[in-house]
Amino acid sequence: MRLIDCEDVVDIATGSALLGAGGGGDPYMGKLETITAIRECGPVELLDADEVPDTWTVASIGSVGAPSVVLEKGVNGREYVIAHDFLERILDKKIDAFVLAEAGGLNSLVPIAAAARVGIPVVNVDGMGRAFPGLQQDTYCLNGVPTTPMVFVDEKGNRSVIETIDNDWTETIGRAITSASGGAIINMGASMTGAKMKQCAVRGTVDLA
């Protein structure tokens, strides 16, 4: 177990811009929000995959939508806690740690900011090794992890939850919710056990960034 502090966030933001390979959005706003969250709530525990107990429940959290909109309206920090508590209630189980959906741009930083706000660790893994456009295009989905139930929370506190017949529909319906919410929103889903995460995650991507 290690700690992510403000100095680390600056480096992760720079590296994630490269890992995004042109996708994932500008990490600038994510960097500011993560530094603010750590200053207010303290450093974030970073766990390697093998440090996560098999029985834990982990979930991915990120930002969906247009990066230009994120630069305009940002987040206020409450979204992370609301999404975490909402998904816990739906699953009827504790979410023990966050994982990255993608290691690129803004979404390399959202899970760290969220972990600081909620007070849980973030795992040194992601589901892509870079950034891809679709929620359904990660290694979690390729290994049979359903994206839903997935919750969406905007900066006003509006909450939505979807359960879909497959992961492609999550992307389709999720984009409609994102559009209705002003073009950018926080999403959380793809919950899985620690054991399953170890089987399908791309390891070491926070370190790589």
N, C-alpha and C. Protein backbone atom coordinates (compact mmCIF):
# COMPACT_ATOMS: atom_id res chain seq x y z
N MET A 1 0.84 -1.19 0.00
CA MET A 1 0.00 0.00 0.00
C MET A 1 0.87 1.23 0.00
N ARG A 2 0.55 2.16 -0.89
CA ARG A 2 1.25 3.44 -0.95
C ARG A 2 0.22 4.56 -0.90
N LEU A 3 0.68 5.79 -0.85
CA LEU A 3 -0.21 6.94 -0.80
C LEU A 3 -0.01 7.82 -2.03
N ILE A 4 -1.12 8.32 -2.58
CA ILE A 4 -1.07 9.30 -3.65
C ILE A 4 -1.31 10.67 -3.03
N ASP A 5 -0.35 11.57 -3.21
CA ASP A 5 -0.47 12.93 -2.69
C ASP A 5 -0.51 13.92 -3.84
N CYS A 6 -0.59 15.19 -3.52
CA CYS A 6 -0.77 16.22 -4.55
C CYS A 6 0.35 16.21 -5.59
N GLU A 7 1.59 16.00 -5.14
CA GLU A 7 2.71 15.98 -6.08
C GLU A 7 2.57 14.85 -7.09
N ASP A 8 2.06 13.70 -6.62
CA ASP A 8 1.85 12.56 -7.51
C ASP A 8 0.78 12.86 -8.55
N VAL A 9 -0.22 13.62 -8.16
CA VAL A 9 -1.34 13.93 -9.06
C VAL A 9 -0.85 14.70 -10.29
N VAL A 10 0.08 15.62 -10.09
CA VAL A 10 0.62 16.38 -11.21
C VAL A 10 1.29 15.45 -12.22
N ASP A 11 2.05 14.49 -11.72
CA ASP A 11 2.73 13.53 -12.61
C ASP A 11 1.72 12.62 -13.30
N ILE A 12 0.71 12.14 -12.56
CA ILE A 12 -0.30 11.26 -13.14
C ILE A 12 -1.06 11.98 -14.24
N ALA A 13 -1.36 13.26 -14.02
CA ALA A 13 -2.08 14.04 -15.03
C ALA A 13 -1.28 14.15 -16.31
N THR A 14 0.01 14.39 -16.20
CA THR A 14 0.86 14.50 -17.38
C THR A 14 0.94 13.17 -18.12
N GLY A 15 1.18 12.10 -17.37
CA GLY A 15 1.27 10.78 -17.99
C GLY A 15 -0.03 10.32 -18.60
N SER A 16 -1.14 10.65 -17.97
CA SER A 16 -2.43 10.19 -18.48
C SER A 16 -2.79 10.88 -19.79
N ALA A 17 -2.28 12.10 -19.98
CA ALA A 17 -2.52 12.78 -21.26
C ALA A 17 -1.84 12.00 -22.40
N LEU A 18 -0.68 11.41 -22.11
CA LEU A 18 0.02 10.61 -23.12
C LEU A 18 -0.67 9.26 -23.31
N LEU A 19 -1.07 8.62 -22.21
CA LEU A 19 -1.73 7.32 -22.30
C LEU A 19 -3.06 7.42 -23.02
N GLY A 20 -3.71 8.57 -22.93
CA GLY A 20 -4.98 8.75 -23.61
C GLY A 20 -4.87 8.67 -25.12
N ALA A 21 -3.65 8.86 -25.65
CA ALA A 21 -3.42 8.76 -27.09
C ALA A 21 -4.42 9.60 -27.89
N GLY A 22 -4.72 10.77 -27.37
CA GLY A 22 -5.67 11.67 -28.03
C GLY A 22 -7.08 11.57 -27.50
N GLY A 23 -7.36 10.58 -26.64
CA GLY A 23 -8.69 10.42 -26.08
C GLY A 23 -8.69 10.65 -24.58
N GLY A 24 -9.86 10.55 -23.99
CA GLY A 24 -9.96 10.67 -22.54
C GLY A 24 -10.10 12.07 -22.02
N GLY A 25 -9.93 13.05 -22.89
CA GLY A 25 -10.12 14.42 -22.47
C GLY A 25 -8.91 15.03 -21.79
N ASP A 26 -8.90 16.34 -21.73
CA ASP A 26 -7.83 17.08 -21.08
C ASP A 26 -7.87 16.82 -19.58
N PRO A 27 -6.77 16.34 -18.98
CA PRO A 27 -6.78 16.04 -17.55
C PRO A 27 -6.70 17.27 -16.65
N TYR A 28 -6.71 18.48 -17.23
CA TYR A 28 -6.50 19.68 -16.43
C TYR A 28 -7.51 19.81 -15.30
N MET A 29 -8.81 19.71 -15.63
CA MET A 29 -9.84 19.87 -14.60
C MET A 29 -9.77 18.73 -13.58
N GLY A 30 -9.47 17.53 -14.06
CA GLY A 30 -9.31 16.40 -13.15
C GLY A 30 -8.17 16.61 -12.18
N LYS A 31 -7.09 17.20 -12.67
CA LYS A 31 -5.95 17.49 -11.80
C LYS A 31 -6.34 18.48 -10.71
N LEU A 32 -7.03 19.54 -11.08
CA LEU A 32 -7.44 20.54 -10.09
C LEU A 32 -8.38 19.95 -9.05
N GLU A 33 -9.37 19.18 -9.51
CA GLU A 33 -10.33 18.58 -8.58
C GLU A 33 -9.66 17.56 -7.67
N THR A 34 -8.72 16.78 -8.20
CA THR A 34 -8.07 15.76 -7.38
C THR A 34 -7.17 16.39 -6.33
N ILE A 35 -6.44 17.42 -6.71
CA ILE A 35 -5.61 18.13 -5.74
C ILE A 35 -6.47 18.75 -4.65
N THR A 36 -7.60 19.34 -5.04
CA THR A 36 -8.51 19.92 -4.05
C THR A 36 -9.04 18.85 -3.11
N ALA A 37 -9.44 17.70 -3.66
CA ALA A 37 -9.98 16.61 -2.84
C ALA A 37 -8.94 16.09 -1.85
N ILE A 38 -7.70 15.96 -2.29
CA ILE A 38 -6.65 15.45 -1.41
C ILE A 38 -6.31 16.48 -0.33
N ARG A 39 -6.29 17.75 -0.69
CA ARG A 39 -6.03 18.78 0.31
C ARG A 39 -7.11 18.80 1.38
N GLU A 40 -8.35 18.57 0.98
CA GLU A 40 -9.46 18.61 1.93
C GLU A 40 -9.64 17.31 2.71
N CYS A 41 -9.32 16.19 2.07
CA CYS A 41 -9.66 14.88 2.66
C CYS A 41 -8.46 14.01 2.99
N GLY A 42 -7.29 14.36 2.48
CA GLY A 42 -6.09 13.58 2.77
C GLY A 42 -5.67 12.70 1.60
N PRO A 43 -4.43 12.18 1.66
CA PRO A 43 -3.91 11.33 0.58
C PRO A 43 -4.76 10.07 0.37
N VAL A 44 -4.63 9.50 -0.80
CA VAL A 44 -5.41 8.32 -1.20
C VAL A 44 -4.52 7.08 -1.17
N GLU A 45 -5.03 6.00 -0.59
CA GLU A 45 -4.31 4.73 -0.61
C GLU A 45 -4.33 4.15 -2.02
N LEU A 46 -3.17 3.74 -2.50
CA LEU A 46 -3.05 3.07 -3.80
C LEU A 46 -2.66 1.62 -3.54
N LEU A 47 -3.52 0.70 -3.95
CA LEU A 47 -3.27 -0.72 -3.76
C LEU A 47 -2.92 -1.36 -5.10
N ASP A 48 -1.89 -2.21 -5.10
CA ASP A 48 -1.67 -3.06 -6.26
C ASP A 48 -2.73 -4.15 -6.29
N ALA A 49 -2.96 -4.73 -7.45
CA ALA A 49 -4.04 -5.71 -7.61
C ALA A 49 -3.95 -6.84 -6.60
N ASP A 50 -2.74 -7.34 -6.36
CA ASP A 50 -2.59 -8.48 -5.47
C ASP A 50 -2.80 -8.13 -4.00
N GLU A 51 -2.86 -6.85 -3.69
CA GLU A 51 -3.15 -6.43 -2.31
C GLU A 51 -4.65 -6.39 -2.02
N VAL A 52 -5.46 -6.54 -3.04
CA VAL A 52 -6.91 -6.47 -2.88
C VAL A 52 -7.45 -7.85 -2.52
N PRO A 53 -8.15 -8.00 -1.40
CA PRO A 53 -8.74 -9.29 -1.07
C PRO A 53 -9.72 -9.78 -2.15
N ASP A 54 -9.74 -11.07 -2.39
CA ASP A 54 -10.62 -11.64 -3.41
C ASP A 54 -12.09 -11.36 -3.13
N THR A 55 -12.43 -11.22 -1.86
CA THR A 55 -13.84 -11.04 -1.48
C THR A 55 -14.31 -9.60 -1.55
N TRP A 56 -13.41 -8.65 -1.76
CA TRP A 56 -13.82 -7.25 -1.85
C TRP A 56 -14.70 -7.03 -3.08
N THR A 57 -15.48 -5.97 -3.03
CA THR A 57 -16.21 -5.48 -4.20
C THR A 57 -15.57 -4.19 -4.66
N VAL A 58 -15.18 -4.15 -5.93
CA VAL A 58 -14.61 -2.93 -6.51
C VAL A 58 -15.52 -2.46 -7.64
N ALA A 59 -15.46 -1.19 -7.97
CA ALA A 59 -16.27 -0.64 -9.04
C ALA A 59 -15.49 0.46 -9.74
N SER A 60 -15.79 0.64 -11.01
CA SER A 60 -15.12 1.71 -11.76
C SER A 60 -15.95 2.99 -11.67
N ILE A 61 -15.26 4.10 -11.65
CA ILE A 61 -15.93 5.41 -11.62
C ILE A 61 -15.19 6.33 -12.57
N GLY A 62 -15.95 7.13 -13.29
CA GLY A 62 -15.33 8.03 -14.25
C GLY A 62 -16.26 9.15 -14.67
N SER A 63 -15.80 9.89 -15.63
CA SER A 63 -16.59 10.99 -16.20
C SER A 63 -16.94 10.62 -17.63
N VAL A 64 -18.21 10.80 -17.99
CA VAL A 64 -18.67 10.51 -19.34
C VAL A 64 -19.15 11.81 -19.97
N GLY A 65 -18.81 12.00 -21.24
CA GLY A 65 -19.31 13.17 -21.93
C GLY A 65 -18.22 13.92 -22.67
N ALA A 66 -18.52 15.14 -23.01
CA ALA A 66 -17.62 15.96 -23.82
C ALA A 66 -16.59 16.65 -22.93
N PRO A 67 -15.29 16.45 -23.20
CA PRO A 67 -14.26 17.12 -22.38
C PRO A 67 -14.41 18.63 -22.35
N SER A 68 -14.88 19.23 -23.45
CA SER A 68 -15.04 20.69 -23.46
C SER A 68 -16.11 21.13 -22.46
N VAL A 69 -17.15 20.30 -22.27
CA VAL A 69 -18.19 20.62 -21.29
C VAL A 69 -17.62 20.52 -19.87
N VAL A 70 -16.79 19.50 -19.63
CA VAL A 70 -16.17 19.34 -18.31
C VAL A 70 -15.37 20.58 -17.95
N LEU A 71 -14.67 21.15 -18.93
CA LEU A 71 -13.90 22.37 -18.68
C LEU A 71 -14.80 23.53 -18.30
N GLU A 72 -16.03 23.54 -18.81
CA GLU A 72 -16.94 24.64 -18.54
C GLU A 72 -17.64 24.51 -17.19
N LYS A 73 -18.10 23.29 -16.85
CA LYS A 73 -18.91 23.18 -15.63
C LYS A 73 -18.27 22.36 -14.52
N GLY A 74 -17.28 21.54 -14.84
CA GLY A 74 -16.55 20.82 -13.80
C GLY A 74 -17.46 19.98 -12.90
N VAL A 75 -16.95 19.69 -11.70
CA VAL A 75 -17.72 18.95 -10.70
C VAL A 75 -17.59 19.70 -9.37
N ASN A 76 -18.48 19.37 -8.43
CA ASN A 76 -18.37 20.02 -7.12
C ASN A 76 -17.90 19.05 -6.04
N GLY A 77 -17.68 17.79 -6.40
CA GLY A 77 -17.16 16.81 -5.44
C GLY A 77 -18.22 15.96 -4.79
N ARG A 78 -19.46 16.46 -4.71
CA ARG A 78 -20.53 15.68 -4.09
C ARG A 78 -20.95 14.48 -4.94
N GLU A 79 -20.73 14.61 -6.25
CA GLU A 79 -21.17 13.55 -7.16
C GLU A 79 -20.58 12.20 -6.80
N TYR A 80 -19.31 12.21 -6.39
CA TYR A 80 -18.62 10.95 -6.10
C TYR A 80 -19.27 10.23 -4.91
N VAL A 81 -19.53 10.97 -3.88
CA VAL A 81 -20.12 10.38 -2.67
C VAL A 81 -21.54 9.91 -2.96
N ILE A 82 -22.30 10.72 -3.70
CA ILE A 82 -23.68 10.34 -4.04
C ILE A 82 -23.69 9.07 -4.88
N ALA A 83 -22.82 9.00 -5.88
CA ALA A 83 -22.76 7.81 -6.74
C ALA A 83 -22.36 6.57 -5.95
N HIS A 84 -21.37 6.71 -5.09
CA HIS A 84 -20.90 5.59 -4.27
C HIS A 84 -22.02 5.07 -3.36
N ASP A 85 -22.66 5.97 -2.65
CA ASP A 85 -23.71 5.56 -1.71
C ASP A 85 -24.92 4.98 -2.45
N PHE A 86 -25.25 5.55 -3.61
CA PHE A 86 -26.38 5.08 -4.40
C PHE A 86 -26.14 3.66 -4.90
N LEU A 87 -24.92 3.40 -5.44
CA LEU A 87 -24.62 2.07 -5.96
C LEU A 87 -24.54 1.05 -4.83
N GLU A 88 -23.99 1.43 -3.69
CA GLU A 88 -23.98 0.52 -2.54
C GLU A 88 -25.40 0.11 -2.17
N ARG A 89 -26.31 1.06 -2.18
CA ARG A 89 -27.71 0.76 -1.82
C ARG A 89 -28.34 -0.18 -2.83
N ILE A 90 -28.04 0.04 -4.11
CA ILE A 90 -28.61 -0.82 -5.15
C ILE A 90 -28.04 -2.24 -5.07
N LEU A 91 -26.73 -2.35 -4.85
CA LEU A 91 -26.08 -3.66 -4.78
C LEU A 91 -26.33 -4.36 -3.45
N ASP A 92 -26.69 -3.57 -2.43
CA ASP A 92 -26.82 -4.07 -1.06
C ASP A 92 -25.52 -4.70 -0.57
N LYS A 93 -24.42 -4.04 -0.90
CA LYS A 93 -23.11 -4.48 -0.41
C LYS A 93 -22.15 -3.31 -0.41
N LYS A 94 -21.11 -3.43 0.37
CA LYS A 94 -20.10 -2.38 0.51
C LYS A 94 -19.19 -2.37 -0.70
N ILE A 95 -18.89 -1.18 -1.21
CA ILE A 95 -17.88 -1.02 -2.26
C ILE A 95 -16.58 -0.67 -1.57
N ASP A 96 -15.59 -1.53 -1.71
CA ASP A 96 -14.36 -1.42 -0.92
C ASP A 96 -13.28 -0.58 -1.57
N ALA A 97 -13.30 -0.45 -2.90
CA ALA A 97 -12.26 0.30 -3.60
C ALA A 97 -12.75 0.68 -4.98
N PHE A 98 -12.13 1.72 -5.54
CA PHE A 98 -12.40 2.11 -6.91
C PHE A 98 -11.30 1.60 -7.83
N VAL A 99 -11.69 1.28 -9.07
CA VAL A 99 -10.72 1.00 -10.13
C VAL A 99 -10.94 2.02 -11.24
N LEU A 100 -9.92 2.21 -12.06
CA LEU A 100 -10.04 3.10 -13.20
C LEU A 100 -10.77 2.38 -14.33
N ALA A 101 -11.66 3.09 -15.01
CA ALA A 101 -12.26 2.55 -16.22
C ALA A 101 -11.25 2.57 -17.36
N GLU A 102 -10.53 3.66 -17.46
CA GLU A 102 -9.52 3.82 -18.50
C GLU A 102 -8.34 4.61 -17.95
N ALA A 103 -7.16 4.31 -18.50
CA ALA A 103 -5.95 5.02 -18.07
C ALA A 103 -5.61 6.07 -19.12
N GLY A 104 -6.43 7.08 -19.20
CA GLY A 104 -6.17 8.11 -20.19
C GLY A 104 -6.92 9.38 -19.86
N GLY A 105 -6.22 10.49 -19.92
CA GLY A 105 -6.84 11.79 -19.75
C GLY A 105 -7.53 11.96 -18.41
N LEU A 106 -8.70 12.54 -18.43
CA LEU A 106 -9.45 12.89 -17.23
C LEU A 106 -9.75 11.67 -16.36
N ASN A 107 -10.03 10.53 -16.98
CA ASN A 107 -10.48 9.38 -16.21
C ASN A 107 -9.36 8.61 -15.51
N SER A 108 -8.14 9.06 -15.66
CA SER A 108 -7.08 8.56 -14.78
C SER A 108 -7.15 9.23 -13.41
N LEU A 109 -7.81 10.38 -13.35
CA LEU A 109 -7.81 11.19 -12.13
C LEU A 109 -9.12 11.14 -11.36
N VAL A 110 -10.24 10.97 -12.07
CA VAL A 110 -11.54 10.94 -11.39
C VAL A 110 -11.59 9.90 -10.27
N PRO A 111 -11.10 8.65 -10.48
CA PRO A 111 -11.16 7.68 -9.39
C PRO A 111 -10.34 8.07 -8.17
N ILE A 112 -9.26 8.81 -8.37
CA ILE A 112 -8.43 9.24 -7.25
C ILE A 112 -9.16 10.32 -6.46
N ALA A 113 -9.74 11.28 -7.16
CA ALA A 113 -10.54 12.31 -6.48
C ALA A 113 -11.71 11.68 -5.74
N ALA A 114 -12.37 10.72 -6.39
CA ALA A 114 -13.51 10.05 -5.76
C ALA A 114 -13.08 9.27 -4.52
N ALA A 115 -11.95 8.58 -4.62
CA ALA A 115 -11.46 7.80 -3.48
C ALA A 115 -11.14 8.71 -2.30
N ALA A 116 -10.59 9.89 -2.58
CA ALA A 116 -10.31 10.84 -1.50
C ALA A 116 -11.61 11.30 -0.84
N ARG A 117 -12.61 11.62 -1.64
CA ARG A 117 -13.89 12.11 -1.10
C ARG A 117 -14.63 11.03 -0.31
N VAL A 118 -14.58 9.80 -0.81
CA VAL A 118 -15.34 8.71 -0.17
C VAL A 118 -14.56 8.10 0.99
N GLY A 119 -13.22 8.11 0.89
CA GLY A 119 -12.40 7.54 1.96
C GLY A 119 -12.11 6.06 1.77
N ILE A 120 -11.96 5.63 0.50
CA ILE A 120 -11.59 4.24 0.21
C ILE A 120 -10.37 4.25 -0.71
N PRO A 121 -9.70 3.09 -0.86
CA PRO A 121 -8.52 3.05 -1.73
C PRO A 121 -8.89 3.06 -3.21
N VAL A 122 -7.88 3.32 -4.05
CA VAL A 122 -7.98 3.13 -5.49
C VAL A 122 -6.96 2.06 -5.86
N VAL A 123 -7.32 1.22 -6.82
CA VAL A 123 -6.46 0.10 -7.21
C VAL A 123 -5.64 0.51 -8.44
N ASN A 124 -4.41 0.04 -8.49
CA ASN A 124 -3.44 0.40 -9.52
C ASN A 124 -3.71 -0.40 -10.81
N VAL A 125 -4.94 -0.29 -11.31
CA VAL A 125 -5.35 -1.01 -12.52
C VAL A 125 -6.33 -0.16 -13.31
N ASP A 126 -6.57 -0.56 -14.55
CA ASP A 126 -7.66 0.01 -15.32
C ASP A 126 -8.18 -1.06 -16.28
N GLY A 127 -9.14 -0.67 -17.12
CA GLY A 127 -9.74 -1.64 -18.01
C GLY A 127 -9.39 -1.45 -19.47
N MET A 128 -8.39 -0.63 -19.77
CA MET A 128 -8.07 -0.37 -21.18
C MET A 128 -6.57 -0.25 -21.46
N GLY A 129 -5.82 0.30 -20.50
CA GLY A 129 -4.42 0.59 -20.76
C GLY A 129 -4.21 1.88 -21.51
N ARG A 130 -5.29 2.50 -21.90
CA ARG A 130 -5.32 3.78 -22.62
C ARG A 130 -6.76 4.27 -22.57
N ALA A 131 -7.19 5.10 -23.51
CA ALA A 131 -8.57 5.58 -23.54
C ALA A 131 -9.28 5.06 -24.79
N PHE A 132 -10.54 4.66 -24.62
CA PHE A 132 -11.40 4.28 -25.73
C PHE A 132 -12.72 5.03 -25.60
N PRO A 133 -13.47 5.17 -26.70
CA PRO A 133 -14.69 5.98 -26.65
C PRO A 133 -15.83 5.36 -25.87
N GLY A 134 -15.93 4.02 -25.83
CA GLY A 134 -17.14 3.39 -25.31
C GLY A 134 -16.97 2.73 -23.96
N LEU A 135 -18.04 2.79 -23.15
CA LEU A 135 -18.04 2.12 -21.84
C LEU A 135 -17.85 0.61 -21.97
N GLN A 136 -18.28 0.06 -23.09
CA GLN A 136 -18.29 -1.39 -23.27
C GLN A 136 -16.99 -1.91 -23.89
N GLN A 137 -16.00 -1.05 -24.06
CA GLN A 137 -14.79 -1.43 -24.78
C GLN A 137 -13.61 -1.71 -23.85
N ASP A 138 -13.88 -2.19 -22.64
CA ASP A 138 -12.77 -2.43 -21.71
C ASP A 138 -12.59 -3.91 -21.45
N THR A 139 -11.51 -4.22 -20.77
CA THR A 139 -11.19 -5.63 -20.49
C THR A 139 -12.12 -6.24 -19.46
N TYR A 140 -12.76 -5.40 -18.65
CA TYR A 140 -13.76 -5.93 -17.72
C TYR A 140 -14.91 -6.54 -18.52
N CYS A 141 -15.44 -5.78 -19.47
CA CYS A 141 -16.55 -6.27 -20.29
C CYS A 141 -16.13 -7.48 -21.12
N LEU A 142 -14.93 -7.45 -21.66
CA LEU A 142 -14.46 -8.57 -22.47
C LEU A 142 -14.37 -9.85 -21.67
N ASN A 143 -14.26 -9.73 -20.36
CA ASN A 143 -14.17 -10.90 -19.48
C ASN A 143 -15.47 -11.18 -18.74
N GLY A 144 -16.57 -10.63 -19.27
CA GLY A 144 -17.88 -11.01 -18.77
C GLY A 144 -18.43 -10.19 -17.62
N VAL A 145 -17.77 -9.09 -17.27
CA VAL A 145 -18.29 -8.22 -16.19
C VAL A 145 -19.38 -7.32 -16.78
N PRO A 146 -20.60 -7.37 -16.27
CA PRO A 146 -21.63 -6.46 -16.78
C PRO A 146 -21.36 -5.03 -16.33
N THR A 147 -21.61 -4.09 -17.21
CA THR A 147 -21.42 -2.68 -16.85
C THR A 147 -22.48 -2.21 -15.85
N THR A 148 -23.64 -2.87 -15.86
CA THR A 148 -24.74 -2.43 -15.00
C THR A 148 -24.96 -3.41 -13.86
N PRO A 149 -25.63 -2.94 -12.77
CA PRO A 149 -26.24 -1.62 -12.66
C PRO A 149 -25.20 -0.50 -12.66
N MET A 150 -25.50 0.54 -13.38
CA MET A 150 -24.62 1.71 -13.46
C MET A 150 -25.41 2.93 -13.03
N VAL A 151 -24.79 3.75 -12.21
CA VAL A 151 -25.44 4.97 -11.75
C VAL A 151 -24.77 6.18 -12.41
N PHE A 152 -25.56 7.19 -12.62
CA PHE A 152 -25.11 8.46 -13.19
C PHE A 152 -25.54 9.57 -12.25
N VAL A 153 -24.62 10.49 -11.95
CA VAL A 153 -24.91 11.60 -11.05
C VAL A 153 -24.36 12.88 -11.66
N ASP A 154 -25.20 13.91 -11.74
CA ASP A 154 -24.71 15.19 -12.26
C ASP A 154 -24.37 16.14 -11.12
N GLU A 155 -23.89 17.32 -11.49
CA GLU A 155 -23.42 18.28 -10.48
C GLU A 155 -24.55 18.88 -9.67
N LYS A 156 -25.79 18.71 -10.13
CA LYS A 156 -26.94 19.22 -9.38
C LYS A 156 -27.43 18.22 -8.34
N GLY A 157 -26.98 16.96 -8.46
CA GLY A 157 -27.43 15.91 -7.55
C GLY A 157 -28.47 14.98 -8.14
N ASN A 158 -28.83 15.19 -9.41
CA ASN A 158 -29.75 14.26 -10.08
C ASN A 158 -29.08 12.90 -10.22
N ARG A 159 -29.85 11.84 -9.96
CA ARG A 159 -29.32 10.48 -10.00
C ARG A 159 -30.15 9.63 -10.94
N SER A 160 -29.45 8.78 -11.70
CA SER A 160 -30.13 7.80 -12.55
C SER A 160 -29.43 6.47 -12.37
N VAL A 161 -30.17 5.38 -12.57
CA VAL A 161 -29.58 4.05 -12.57
C VAL A 161 -30.17 3.28 -13.73
N ILE A 162 -29.33 2.53 -14.43
CA ILE A 162 -29.81 1.70 -15.53
C ILE A 162 -29.33 0.27 -15.35
N GLU A 163 -30.15 -0.66 -15.80
CA GLU A 163 -29.77 -2.06 -15.93
C GLU A 163 -30.14 -2.47 -17.34
N THR A 164 -29.18 -2.96 -18.09
CA THR A 164 -29.38 -3.19 -19.52
C THR A 164 -29.20 -4.67 -19.85
N ILE A 165 -29.67 -5.04 -21.04
CA ILE A 165 -29.58 -6.44 -21.46
C ILE A 165 -28.18 -6.81 -21.92
N ASP A 166 -27.38 -5.81 -22.29
CA ASP A 166 -25.97 -6.06 -22.62
C ASP A 166 -25.21 -4.74 -22.49
N ASN A 167 -23.88 -4.83 -22.61
CA ASN A 167 -23.05 -3.66 -22.35
C ASN A 167 -23.13 -2.61 -23.46
N ASP A 168 -23.48 -3.03 -24.69
CA ASP A 168 -23.67 -2.05 -25.75
C ASP A 168 -24.83 -1.12 -25.44
N TRP A 169 -25.89 -1.67 -24.86
CA TRP A 169 -27.04 -0.83 -24.51
C TRP A 169 -26.70 0.14 -23.38
N THR A 170 -25.78 -0.24 -22.51
CA THR A 170 -25.34 0.69 -21.46
C THR A 170 -24.75 1.95 -22.09
N GLU A 171 -23.93 1.75 -23.11
CA GLU A 171 -23.34 2.89 -23.80
C GLU A 171 -24.40 3.75 -24.46
N THR A 172 -25.36 3.12 -25.14
CA THR A 172 -26.39 3.87 -25.86
C THR A 172 -27.28 4.67 -24.91
N ILE A 173 -27.78 4.02 -23.86
CA ILE A 173 -28.67 4.71 -22.92
C ILE A 173 -27.89 5.70 -22.07
N GLY A 174 -26.66 5.33 -21.70
CA GLY A 174 -25.84 6.22 -20.89
C GLY A 174 -25.54 7.53 -21.59
N ARG A 175 -25.35 7.47 -22.91
CA ARG A 175 -25.10 8.71 -23.66
C ARG A 175 -26.33 9.60 -23.69
N ALA A 176 -27.51 8.99 -23.74
CA ALA A 176 -28.73 9.79 -23.71
C ALA A 176 -28.88 10.50 -22.36
N ILE A 177 -28.57 9.80 -21.28
CA ILE A 177 -28.61 10.42 -19.95
C ILE A 177 -27.59 11.55 -19.85
N THR A 178 -26.40 11.30 -20.40
CA THR A 178 -25.34 12.31 -20.38
C THR A 178 -25.77 13.57 -21.13
N SER A 179 -26.37 13.38 -22.29
CA SER A 179 -26.84 14.52 -23.08
C SER A 179 -27.91 15.31 -22.33
N ALA A 180 -28.83 14.60 -21.70
CA ALA A 180 -29.90 15.28 -20.95
C ALA A 180 -29.35 16.02 -19.74
N SER A 181 -28.18 15.61 -19.26
CA SER A 181 -27.57 16.22 -18.07
C SER A 181 -26.59 17.33 -18.43
N GLY A 182 -26.60 17.76 -19.67
CA GLY A 182 -25.77 18.89 -20.04
C GLY A 182 -24.47 18.53 -20.72
N GLY A 183 -24.28 17.25 -21.04
CA GLY A 183 -23.11 16.86 -21.83
C GLY A 183 -21.96 16.28 -21.06
N ALA A 184 -22.04 16.23 -19.74
CA ALA A 184 -20.98 15.61 -18.93
C ALA A 184 -21.58 15.17 -17.60
N ILE A 185 -21.16 13.99 -17.14
CA ILE A 185 -21.77 13.42 -15.93
C ILE A 185 -20.80 12.40 -15.33
N ILE A 186 -20.94 12.13 -14.04
CA ILE A 186 -20.15 11.09 -13.38
C ILE A 186 -20.91 9.77 -13.46
N ASN A 187 -20.21 8.70 -13.81
CA ASN A 187 -20.83 7.38 -13.86
C ASN A 187 -20.04 6.39 -13.02
N MET A 188 -20.74 5.39 -12.49
CA MET A 188 -20.12 4.38 -11.65
C MET A 188 -20.81 3.05 -11.87
N GLY A 189 -20.03 2.01 -12.14
CA GLY A 189 -20.61 0.70 -12.39
C GLY A 189 -19.52 -0.35 -12.54
N ALA A 190 -19.82 -1.38 -13.36
CA ALA A 190 -18.88 -2.49 -13.57
C ALA A 190 -18.36 -3.04 -12.25
N SER A 191 -19.27 -3.24 -11.30
CA SER A 191 -18.85 -3.78 -10.01
C SER A 191 -18.46 -5.25 -10.15
N MET A 192 -17.44 -5.66 -9.43
CA MET A 192 -16.92 -7.03 -9.51
C MET A 192 -16.16 -7.36 -8.24
N THR A 193 -15.89 -8.62 -8.03
CA THR A 193 -15.09 -9.02 -6.88
C THR A 193 -13.62 -8.72 -7.12
N GLY A 194 -12.87 -8.69 -6.03
CA GLY A 194 -11.43 -8.54 -6.16
C GLY A 194 -10.82 -9.66 -6.99
N ALA A 195 -11.34 -10.87 -6.83
CA ALA A 195 -10.83 -12.02 -7.58
C ALA A 195 -11.04 -11.82 -9.08
N LYS A 196 -12.23 -11.37 -9.47
CA LYS A 196 -12.51 -11.14 -10.89
C LYS A 196 -11.65 -10.01 -11.43
N MET A 197 -11.48 -8.95 -10.66
CA MET A 197 -10.65 -7.82 -11.09
C MET A 197 -9.23 -8.29 -11.41
N LYS A 198 -8.69 -9.17 -10.59
CA LYS A 198 -7.32 -9.66 -10.82
C LYS A 198 -7.21 -10.44 -12.12
N GLN A 199 -8.31 -11.06 -12.55
CA GLN A 199 -8.29 -11.85 -13.78
C GLN A 199 -8.32 -10.98 -15.03
N CYS A 200 -8.94 -9.80 -14.95
CA CYS A 200 -9.24 -9.09 -16.20
C CYS A 200 -8.71 -7.66 -16.29
N ALA A 201 -8.16 -7.11 -15.22
CA ALA A 201 -7.71 -5.72 -15.26
C ALA A 201 -6.33 -5.59 -15.89
N VAL A 202 -6.08 -4.44 -16.47
CA VAL A 202 -4.74 -4.07 -16.94
C VAL A 202 -4.00 -3.50 -15.75
N ARG A 203 -2.91 -4.12 -15.36
CA ARG A 203 -2.26 -3.79 -14.10
C ARG A 203 -1.21 -2.69 -14.24
N GLY A 204 -1.04 -1.93 -13.16
CA GLY A 204 0.07 -0.99 -13.05
C GLY A 204 -0.09 0.30 -13.81
N THR A 205 -1.31 0.65 -14.23
CA THR A 205 -1.45 1.81 -15.10
C THR A 205 -1.37 3.15 -14.38
N VAL A 206 -1.71 3.17 -13.08
CA VAL A 206 -1.50 4.42 -12.34
C VAL A 206 0.00 4.69 -12.22
N ASP A 207 0.76 3.67 -11.91
CA ASP A 207 2.22 3.81 -11.87
C ASP A 207 2.76 4.22 -13.23
N LEU A 208 2.25 3.62 -14.30
CA LEU A 208 2.72 3.94 -15.63
C LEU A 208 2.49 5.41 -15.97
N ALA A 209 1.31 5.91 -15.59
CA ALA A 209 1.03 7.34 -15.81
C ALA A 209 2.01 8.20 -15.02
